[in-house]
C-alpha cells in the first residue's frame, strides 16, 4: 500500500527575524539592553541559528530554560550573555559558573544550595534575582515585606553575584490593565527596599515582556525581554506593528 504520510517542515526566514529585532530595538531605543528569548529551541525556530543571527544583529542577551540549551549555544560559538530562566540542579553550580551563564534565582533555599556547591572553588556565579509580583510562578514573594530578610541574605552570599533582578507580568498584553501597574509597583518598591537596606545596586532591572514592550515604555528600565514578539507574533489578538511573522 502506498503511504499517505508526507514530511512537513518549516522554513525560517532569518532576515525577517533580524527585521523584527531592528523594529523592536528602534522602539525601545539604544540605551536599553535587549534580551531575546530563545528557550524551547527558540519556540521551534532553531535556537542556535536564531541566537547566532541575533548576535550578529547586535543583541546583548538571550534567555534559555535549562543548562543543556545554554551549553548548545556556547558550543555553537554564541558569546552573548545567557540567562537561564529555569532553576537548575544546584549540584551543577560549578558547571554553570564555568560556562559563563547567568542563573535566575527565585528562593533563598536555592540561593543557599548554589552557594554551598560553589564554596571552596574560588568561583562566583552570576545571577539575576527573580521576584514574584503576581504571576503566580516561582520567585521571592514581594506582595509585602515579609520576605525582605531572605532577599537581603541572598545578596550577601559570597559565591553569588547578583547583577540583575526581574519579574514576569501576567496580563501585560491587555490594554489599560491595572494589574500590570500593580506588579510594576511591587517590583520597583522591592528593589528600592533591597538597595536601601544593603547598598547593593542591581545593574540590570528587567520586566518588559512582549506585551509590556508594546504598551508600557516606562517599564523598559535597563533591559527588555521579548519572546513571541521577536518572532513576529503579538501575544494577544492584536497585531504588532511593525513586525514580520516568521
C-alpha atoms as a PDB file:
ATOM      1  CA  UNK A   1       0.000   0.000   0.000  1.00  0.00           C
ATOM      2  CA  UNK A   2       1.307   3.410  -0.912  1.00  0.00           C
ATOM      3  CA  UNK A   3       1.927   5.552   2.156  1.00  0.00           C
ATOM      4  CA  UNK A   4      -0.122   8.706   2.508  1.00  0.00           C
ATOM      5  CA  UNK A   5       2.302  10.193   5.033  1.00  0.00           C
ATOM      6  CA  UNK A   6       4.063  13.352   3.988  1.00  0.00           C
ATOM      7  CA  UNK A   7       7.037  15.011   5.610  1.00  0.00           C
ATOM      8  CA  UNK A   8       6.438  18.520   6.861  1.00  0.00           C
ATOM      9  CA  UNK A   9       8.888  21.314   7.579  1.00  0.00           C
ATOM     10  CA  UNK A  10       9.044  24.954   8.497  1.00  0.00           C
ATOM     11  CA  UNK A  11      11.058  27.467   6.529  1.00  0.00           C
ATOM     12  CA  UNK A  12      12.594  30.096   8.805  1.00  0.00           C
ATOM     13  CA  UNK A  13      13.475  33.483   7.340  1.00  0.00           C
ATOM     14  CA  UNK A  14      16.377  34.780   9.429  1.00  0.00           C
ATOM     15  CA  UNK A  15      16.273  38.104   7.593  1.00  0.00           C
ATOM     16  CA  UNK A  16      12.707  38.524   8.853  1.00  0.00           C
ATOM     17  CA  UNK A  17      13.932  37.739  12.361  1.00  0.00           C
ATOM     18  CA  UNK A  18      16.594  40.427  12.014  1.00  0.00           C
ATOM     19  CA  UNK A  19      13.932  42.872  10.789  1.00  0.00           C
ATOM     20  CA  UNK A  20      11.803  42.143  13.840  1.00  0.00           C
ATOM     21  CA  UNK A  21      14.803  42.697  16.088  1.00  0.00           C
ATOM     22  CA  UNK A  22      15.578  46.038  14.457  1.00  0.00           C
ATOM     23  CA  UNK A  23      11.935  47.142  14.689  1.00  0.00           C
ATOM     24  CA  UNK A  24      11.768  46.328  18.401  1.00  0.00           C
ATOM     25  CA  UNK A  25      15.220  47.774  19.022  1.00  0.00           C
ATOM     26  CA  UNK A  26      14.158  51.043  17.398  1.00  0.00           C
ATOM     27  CA  UNK A  27      11.090  51.103  19.612  1.00  0.00           C
ATOM     28  CA  UNK A  28      12.986  50.761  22.897  1.00  0.00           C
ATOM     29  CA  UNK A  29      15.984  52.916  21.997  1.00  0.00           C
ATOM     30  CA  UNK A  30      19.712  52.375  22.047  1.00  0.00           C
ATOM     31  CA  UNK A  31      20.126  52.920  25.798  1.00  0.00           C
ATOM     32  CA  UNK A  32      18.013  49.893  26.768  1.00  0.00           C
ATOM     33  CA  UNK A  33      19.587  46.449  26.617  1.00  0.00           C
ATOM     34  CA  UNK A  34      17.827  43.764  24.584  1.00  0.00           C
ATOM     35  CA  UNK A  35      17.296  40.134  25.608  1.00  0.00           C
ATOM     36  CA  UNK A  36      15.852  37.742  23.048  1.00  0.00           C
ATOM     37  CA  UNK A  37      14.094  34.682  24.457  1.00  0.00           C
ATOM     38  CA  UNK A  38      15.260  31.544  22.636  1.00  0.00           C
ATOM     39  CA  UNK A  39      14.047  28.866  25.060  1.00  0.00           C
ATOM     40  CA  UNK A  40      12.406  25.682  23.729  1.00  0.00           C
ATOM     41  CA  UNK A  41      14.602  25.735  20.614  1.00  0.00           C
ATOM     42  CA  UNK A  42      13.604  29.376  20.017  1.00  0.00           C
ATOM     43  CA  UNK A  43       9.920  28.417  20.053  1.00  0.00           C
ATOM     44  CA  UNK A  44      10.681  25.801  17.407  1.00  0.00           C
ATOM     45  CA  UNK A  45      12.596  28.169  15.118  1.00  0.00           C
ATOM     46  CA  UNK A  46      16.048  26.725  15.884  1.00  0.00           C
ATOM     47  CA  UNK A  47      17.825  28.229  18.876  1.00  0.00           C
ATOM     48  CA  UNK A  48      21.361  28.051  17.524  1.00  0.00           C
ATOM     49  CA  UNK A  49      20.623  29.745  14.204  1.00  0.00           C
ATOM     50  CA  UNK A  50      18.339  32.309  15.831  1.00  0.00           C
ATOM     51  CA  UNK A  51      20.857  33.183  18.558  1.00  0.00           C
ATOM     52  CA  UNK A  52      23.683  33.447  16.044  1.00  0.00           C
ATOM     53  CA  UNK A  53      21.624  35.809  13.902  1.00  0.00           C
ATOM     54  CA  UNK A  54      20.628  37.914  16.905  1.00  0.00           C
ATOM     55  CA  UNK A  55      24.255  38.134  17.971  1.00  0.00           C
ATOM     56  CA  UNK A  56      25.291  39.401  14.541  1.00  0.00           C
ATOM     57  CA  UNK A  57      22.483  41.969  14.719  1.00  0.00           C
ATOM     58  CA  UNK A  58      23.847  43.364  17.989  1.00  0.00           C
ATOM     59  CA  UNK A  59      21.602  41.729  20.594  1.00  0.00           C
ATOM     60  CA  UNK A  60      23.290  41.645  24.015  1.00  0.00           C
ATOM     61  CA  UNK A  61      21.404  38.838  25.796  1.00  0.00           C
ATOM     62  CA  UNK A  62      19.432  35.680  25.136  1.00  0.00           C
ATOM     63  CA  UNK A  63      17.411  33.581  27.572  1.00  0.00           C
ATOM     64  CA  UNK A  64      17.008  29.816  27.686  1.00  0.00           C
ATOM     65  CA  UNK A  65      15.323  27.473  30.131  1.00  0.00           C
ATOM     66  CA  UNK A  66      17.999  24.940  31.031  1.00  0.00           C
ATOM     67  CA  UNK A  67      21.705  24.121  31.105  1.00  0.00           C
ATOM     68  CA  UNK A  68      21.609  21.910  28.009  1.00  0.00           C
ATOM     69  CA  UNK A  69      20.156  24.754  25.940  1.00  0.00           C
ATOM     70  CA  UNK A  70      22.854  27.127  27.164  1.00  0.00           C
ATOM     71  CA  UNK A  71      25.613  24.594  26.553  1.00  0.00           C
ATOM     72  CA  UNK A  72      24.390  24.084  22.982  1.00  0.00           C
ATOM     73  CA  UNK A  73      24.608  27.816  22.294  1.00  0.00           C
ATOM     74  CA  UNK A  74      28.098  28.124  23.759  1.00  0.00           C
ATOM     75  CA  UNK A  75      29.286  25.130  21.710  1.00  0.00           C
ATOM     76  CA  UNK A  76      27.963  26.880  18.587  1.00  0.00           C
ATOM     77  CA  UNK A  77      30.036  29.981  19.304  1.00  0.00           C
ATOM     78  CA  UNK A  78      27.370  32.164  20.881  1.00  0.00           C
ATOM     79  CA  UNK A  79      29.229  34.537  23.198  1.00  0.00           C
ATOM     80  CA  UNK A  80      26.299  36.741  24.258  1.00  0.00           C
ATOM     81  CA  UNK A  81      25.146  36.842  27.857  1.00  0.00           C
ATOM     82  CA  UNK A  82      22.843  33.898  28.521  1.00  0.00           C
ATOM     83  CA  UNK A  83      20.164  33.978  31.217  1.00  0.00           C
ATOM     84  CA  UNK A  84      18.876  30.616  32.459  1.00  0.00           C
ATOM     85  CA  UNK A  85      15.255  31.205  33.374  1.00  0.00           C
ATOM     86  CA  UNK A  86      14.592  27.808  34.932  1.00  0.00           C
ATOM     87  CA  UNK A  87      16.243  26.611  38.160  1.00  0.00           C
ATOM     88  CA  UNK A  88      18.954  24.032  37.508  1.00  0.00           C
ATOM     89  CA  UNK A  89      20.165  21.379  39.917  1.00  0.00           C
ATOM     90  CA  UNK A  90      22.369  23.143  42.438  1.00  0.00           C
ATOM     91  CA  UNK A  91      24.969  20.383  42.150  1.00  0.00           C
ATOM     92  CA  UNK A  92      25.948  21.707  38.700  1.00  0.00           C
ATOM     93  CA  UNK A  93      26.668  25.189  40.053  1.00  0.00           C
ATOM     94  CA  UNK A  94      30.355  24.844  39.132  1.00  0.00           C
ATOM     95  CA  UNK A  95      29.387  23.927  35.571  1.00  0.00           C
ATOM     96  CA  UNK A  96      27.094  26.959  35.372  1.00  0.00           C
ATOM     97  CA  UNK A  97      29.833  29.288  36.572  1.00  0.00           C
ATOM     98  CA  UNK A  98      32.403  27.733  34.245  1.00  0.00           C
ATOM     99  CA  UNK A  99      30.067  28.005  31.258  1.00  0.00           C
ATOM    100  CA  UNK A 100      29.739  31.712  31.958  1.00  0.00           C
ATOM    101  CA  UNK A 101      25.962  31.949  32.182  1.00  0.00           C
ATOM    102  CA  UNK A 102      23.638  33.875  34.488  1.00  0.00           C
ATOM    103  CA  UNK A 103      21.260  31.859  36.635  1.00  0.00           C
ATOM    104  CA  UNK A 104      17.817  33.040  37.718  1.00  0.00           C
ATOM    105  CA  UNK A 105      17.402  32.618  41.475  1.00  0.00           C
ATOM    106  CA  UNK A 106      13.934  32.806  42.994  1.00  0.00           C
ATOM    107  CA  UNK A 107      14.229  31.448  46.536  1.00  0.00           C
ATOM    108  CA  UNK A 108      16.593  31.637  49.478  1.00  0.00           C
ATOM    109  CA  UNK A 109      16.782  27.831  49.611  1.00  0.00           C
ATOM    110  CA  UNK A 110      18.033  27.667  46.038  1.00  0.00           C
ATOM    111  CA  UNK A 111      20.467  30.536  46.628  1.00  0.00           C
ATOM    112  CA  UNK A 112      21.926  28.763  49.664  1.00  0.00           C
ATOM    113  CA  UNK A 113      22.333  25.492  47.758  1.00  0.00           C
ATOM    114  CA  UNK A 114      24.103  27.154  44.825  1.00  0.00           C
ATOM    115  CA  UNK A 115      26.398  28.943  47.245  1.00  0.00           C
ATOM    116  CA  UNK A 116      27.149  25.693  49.095  1.00  0.00           C
ATOM    117  CA  UNK A 117      28.201  23.852  45.945  1.00  0.00           C
ATOM    118  CA  UNK A 118      30.457  26.742  44.924  1.00  0.00           C
ATOM    119  CA  UNK A 119      32.163  27.001  48.312  1.00  0.00           C
ATOM    120  CA  UNK A 120      35.913  26.382  48.108  1.00  0.00           C
ATOM    121  CA  UNK A 121      36.038  26.642  44.317  1.00  0.00           C
ATOM    122  CA  UNK A 122      37.018  30.285  44.047  1.00  0.00           C
ATOM    123  CA  UNK A 123      34.132  30.751  41.613  1.00  0.00           C
ATOM    124  CA  UNK A 124      31.219  33.176  41.677  1.00  0.00           C
ATOM    125  CA  UNK A 125      28.075  32.529  39.696  1.00  0.00           C
ATOM    126  CA  UNK A 126      26.370  35.491  38.076  1.00  0.00           C
ATOM    127  CA  UNK A 127      22.692  35.570  38.974  1.00  0.00           C
ATOM    128  CA  UNK A 128      19.512  37.543  38.421  1.00  0.00           C
ATOM    129  CA  UNK A 129      17.085  37.613  41.330  1.00  0.00           C
ATOM    130  CA  UNK A 130      13.550  36.666  40.308  1.00  0.00           C
ATOM    131  CA  UNK A 131      10.716  38.408  42.150  1.00  0.00           C
ATOM    132  CA  UNK A 132       7.166  37.054  42.312  1.00  0.00           C
ATOM    133  CA  UNK A 133       4.927  40.108  41.916  1.00  0.00           C
ATOM    134  CA  UNK A 134       1.692  38.390  40.893  1.00  0.00           C
ATOM    135  CA  UNK A 135       2.330  35.942  38.065  1.00  0.00           C
ATOM    136  CA  UNK A 136       1.895  33.001  40.430  1.00  0.00           C
ATOM    137  CA  UNK A 137       5.101  31.247  39.422  1.00  0.00           C
ATOM    138  CA  UNK A 138       8.463  30.993  41.156  1.00  0.00           C
ATOM    139  CA  UNK A 139      10.298  33.887  42.740  1.00  0.00           C
ATOM    140  CA  UNK A 140      10.834  35.733  46.003  1.00  0.00           C
ATOM    141  CA  UNK A 141       7.351  36.818  47.056  1.00  0.00           C
ATOM    142  CA  UNK A 142       7.173  40.618  47.279  1.00  0.00           C
ATOM    143  CA  UNK A 143       3.464  41.099  47.901  1.00  0.00           C
ATOM    144  CA  UNK A 144       4.595  42.515  51.246  1.00  0.00           C
ATOM    145  CA  UNK A 145       7.926  42.968  53.053  1.00  0.00           C
ATOM    146  CA  UNK A 146       7.850  39.621  54.860  1.00  0.00           C
ATOM    147  CA  UNK A 147      10.484  38.079  52.560  1.00  0.00           C
ATOM    148  CA  UNK A 148      12.815  41.081  52.565  1.00  0.00           C
ATOM    149  CA  UNK A 149      15.235  39.402  55.001  1.00  0.00           C
ATOM    150  CA  UNK A 150      15.538  36.391  52.683  1.00  0.00           C
ATOM    151  CA  UNK A 151      16.345  38.600  49.697  1.00  0.00           C
ATOM    152  CA  UNK A 152      18.910  40.518  51.723  1.00  0.00           C
ATOM    153  CA  UNK A 153      20.508  37.226  52.808  1.00  0.00           C
ATOM    154  CA  UNK A 154      20.692  36.047  49.189  1.00  0.00           C
ATOM    155  CA  UNK A 155      22.557  39.219  48.237  1.00  0.00           C
ATOM    156  CA  UNK A 156      25.087  38.554  50.992  1.00  0.00           C
ATOM    157  CA  UNK A 157      26.073  35.056  49.824  1.00  0.00           C
ATOM    158  CA  UNK A 158      29.743  35.187  48.775  1.00  0.00           C
ATOM    159  CA  UNK A 159      29.585  32.899  45.747  1.00  0.00           C
ATOM    160  CA  UNK A 160      26.595  34.529  44.029  1.00  0.00           C
ATOM    161  CA  UNK A 161      26.969  37.758  42.085  1.00  0.00           C
ATOM    162  CA  UNK A 162      23.545  39.335  41.632  1.00  0.00           C
ATOM    163  CA  UNK A 163      23.969  41.531  38.582  1.00  0.00           C
ATOM    164  CA  UNK A 164      20.248  41.818  37.856  1.00  0.00           C
ATOM    165  CA  UNK A 165      16.686  41.497  39.091  1.00  0.00           C
ATOM    166  CA  UNK A 166      13.493  40.712  37.173  1.00  0.00           C
ATOM    167  CA  UNK A 167       9.843  39.766  37.275  1.00  0.00           C
ATOM    168  CA  UNK A 168       7.271  38.471  34.822  1.00  0.00           C
ATOM    169  CA  UNK A 169       3.952  40.144  34.012  1.00  0.00           C
ATOM    170  CA  UNK A 170       0.756  38.123  33.861  1.00  0.00           C
ATOM    171  CA  UNK A 171      -1.520  40.225  31.618  1.00  0.00           C
ATOM    172  CA  UNK A 172       0.637  42.963  30.094  1.00  0.00           C
ATOM    173  CA  UNK A 173      -0.860  42.244  26.649  1.00  0.00           C
ATOM    174  CA  UNK A 174      -4.228  43.658  27.756  1.00  0.00           C
ATOM    175  CA  UNK A 175      -4.911  47.359  27.200  1.00  0.00           C
ATOM    176  CA  UNK A 176      -5.042  49.546  30.290  1.00  0.00           C
ATOM    177  CA  UNK A 177      -4.899  46.650  32.716  1.00  0.00           C
ATOM    178  CA  UNK A 178      -4.299  47.908  36.297  1.00  0.00           C
ATOM    179  CA  UNK A 179      -2.790  44.583  37.385  1.00  0.00           C
ATOM    180  CA  UNK A 180       0.355  45.198  35.331  1.00  0.00           C
ATOM    181  CA  UNK A 181       0.743  48.582  37.003  1.00  0.00           C
ATOM    182  CA  UNK A 182       0.339  46.878  40.390  1.00  0.00           C
ATOM    183  CA  UNK A 183       3.013  44.297  39.536  1.00  0.00           C
ATOM    184  CA  UNK A 184       5.353  47.026  38.348  1.00  0.00           C
ATOM    185  CA  UNK A 185       4.826  48.991  41.553  1.00  0.00           C
ATOM    186  CA  UNK A 186       5.569  45.909  43.666  1.00  0.00           C
ATOM    187  CA  UNK A 187       8.690  45.232  41.599  1.00  0.00           C
ATOM    188  CA  UNK A 188      10.177  48.717  41.871  1.00  0.00           C
ATOM    189  CA  UNK A 189       9.275  49.005  45.553  1.00  0.00           C
ATOM    190  CA  UNK A 190      11.026  45.728  46.377  1.00  0.00           C
ATOM    191  CA  UNK A 191      14.157  46.781  44.505  1.00  0.00           C
ATOM    192  CA  UNK A 192      14.217  50.114  46.304  1.00  0.00           C
ATOM    193  CA  UNK A 193      13.875  48.425  49.702  1.00  0.00           C
ATOM    194  CA  UNK A 194      16.676  45.937  48.966  1.00  0.00           C
ATOM    195  CA  UNK A 195      19.062  48.556  47.634  1.00  0.00           C
ATOM    196  CA  UNK A 196      18.407  50.850  50.597  1.00  0.00           C
ATOM    197  CA  UNK A 197      18.914  48.030  53.084  1.00  0.00           C
ATOM    198  CA  UNK A 198      22.087  46.605  51.564  1.00  0.00           C
ATOM    199  CA  UNK A 199      23.745  49.253  49.417  1.00  0.00           C
ATOM    200  CA  UNK A 200      23.702  46.722  46.587  1.00  0.00           C
ATOM    201  CA  UNK A 201      22.929  48.145  43.150  1.00  0.00           C
ATOM    202  CA  UNK A 202      21.280  45.941  40.530  1.00  0.00           C
ATOM    203  CA  UNK A 203      22.914  46.830  37.230  1.00  0.00           C
ATOM    204  CA  UNK A 204      20.058  45.350  35.179  1.00  0.00           C
ATOM    205  CA  UNK A 205      16.370  45.599  36.088  1.00  0.00           C
ATOM    206  CA  UNK A 206      14.026  43.959  33.596  1.00  0.00           C
ATOM    207  CA  UNK A 207      10.320  43.209  33.461  1.00  0.00           C
ATOM    208  CA  UNK A 208       9.081  44.164  29.963  1.00  0.00           C
ATOM    209  CA  UNK A 209       7.963  41.059  28.092  1.00  0.00           C
ATOM    210  CA  UNK A 210       6.346  41.257  24.644  1.00  0.00           C
ATOM    211  CA  UNK A 211       3.120  42.796  25.906  1.00  0.00           C
ATOM    212  CA  UNK A 212       4.787  45.403  28.095  1.00  0.00           C
ATOM    213  CA  UNK A 213       7.289  46.279  25.383  1.00  0.00           C
ATOM    214  CA  UNK A 214       4.484  47.381  23.089  1.00  0.00           C
ATOM    215  CA  UNK A 215       2.373  49.157  25.734  1.00  0.00           C
ATOM    216  CA  UNK A 216       4.425  50.446  28.643  1.00  0.00           C
ATOM    217  CA  UNK A 217       7.640  52.299  27.707  1.00  0.00           C
ATOM    218  CA  UNK A 218       8.051  53.435  31.314  1.00  0.00           C
ATOM    219  CA  UNK A 219       8.655  49.763  32.175  1.00  0.00           C
ATOM    220  CA  UNK A 220      11.623  49.267  29.831  1.00  0.00           C
ATOM    221  CA  UNK A 221      14.050  50.086  32.680  1.00  0.00           C
ATOM    222  CA  UNK A 222      17.514  48.678  31.852  1.00  0.00           C
ATOM    223  CA  UNK A 223      16.531  45.805  29.545  1.00  0.00           C
ATOM    224  CA  UNK A 224      13.520  44.445  27.662  1.00  0.00           C
ATOM    225  CA  UNK A 225      12.782  40.743  27.332  1.00  0.00           C
ATOM    226  CA  UNK A 226      10.569  39.976  24.311  1.00  0.00           C
ATOM    227  CA  UNK A 227       9.721  36.406  23.474  1.00  0.00           C
ATOM    228  CA  UNK A 228       6.977  35.742  20.961  1.00  0.00           C
ATOM    229  CA  UNK A 229       7.033  39.315  19.592  1.00  0.00           C
ATOM    230  CA  UNK A 230      10.562  38.703  18.368  1.00  0.00           C
ATOM    231  CA  UNK A 231       9.130  36.063  16.047  1.00  0.00           C
ATOM    232  CA  UNK A 232       6.543  38.454  14.611  1.00  0.00           C
ATOM    233  CA  UNK A 233       3.559  37.348  16.687  1.00  0.00           C
ATOM    234  CA  UNK A 234       1.751  39.527  19.199  1.00  0.00           C
ATOM    235  CA  UNK A 235       0.711  37.762  22.422  1.00  0.00           C
ATOM    236  CA  UNK A 236      -2.962  38.697  22.035  1.00  0.00           C
ATOM    237  CA  UNK A 237      -5.430  39.082  19.173  1.00  0.00           C
ATOM    238  CA  UNK A 238      -3.959  42.439  18.231  1.00  0.00           C
ATOM    239  CA  UNK A 239      -1.218  42.892  15.646  1.00  0.00           C
ATOM    240  CA  UNK A 240       2.257  44.138  16.435  1.00  0.00           C
ATOM    241  CA  UNK A 241       3.239  46.913  14.047  1.00  0.00           C
ATOM    242  CA  UNK A 242       5.807  46.901  12.667  1.00  0.00           C
ATOM    243  CA  UNK A 243       6.614  43.199  12.667  1.00  0.00           C
ATOM    244  CA  UNK A 244       7.031  40.210  10.423  1.00  0.00           C
ATOM    245  CA  UNK A 245       5.518  36.798  11.110  1.00  0.00           C
ATOM    246  CA  UNK A 246       8.177  34.141  10.507  1.00  0.00           C
END
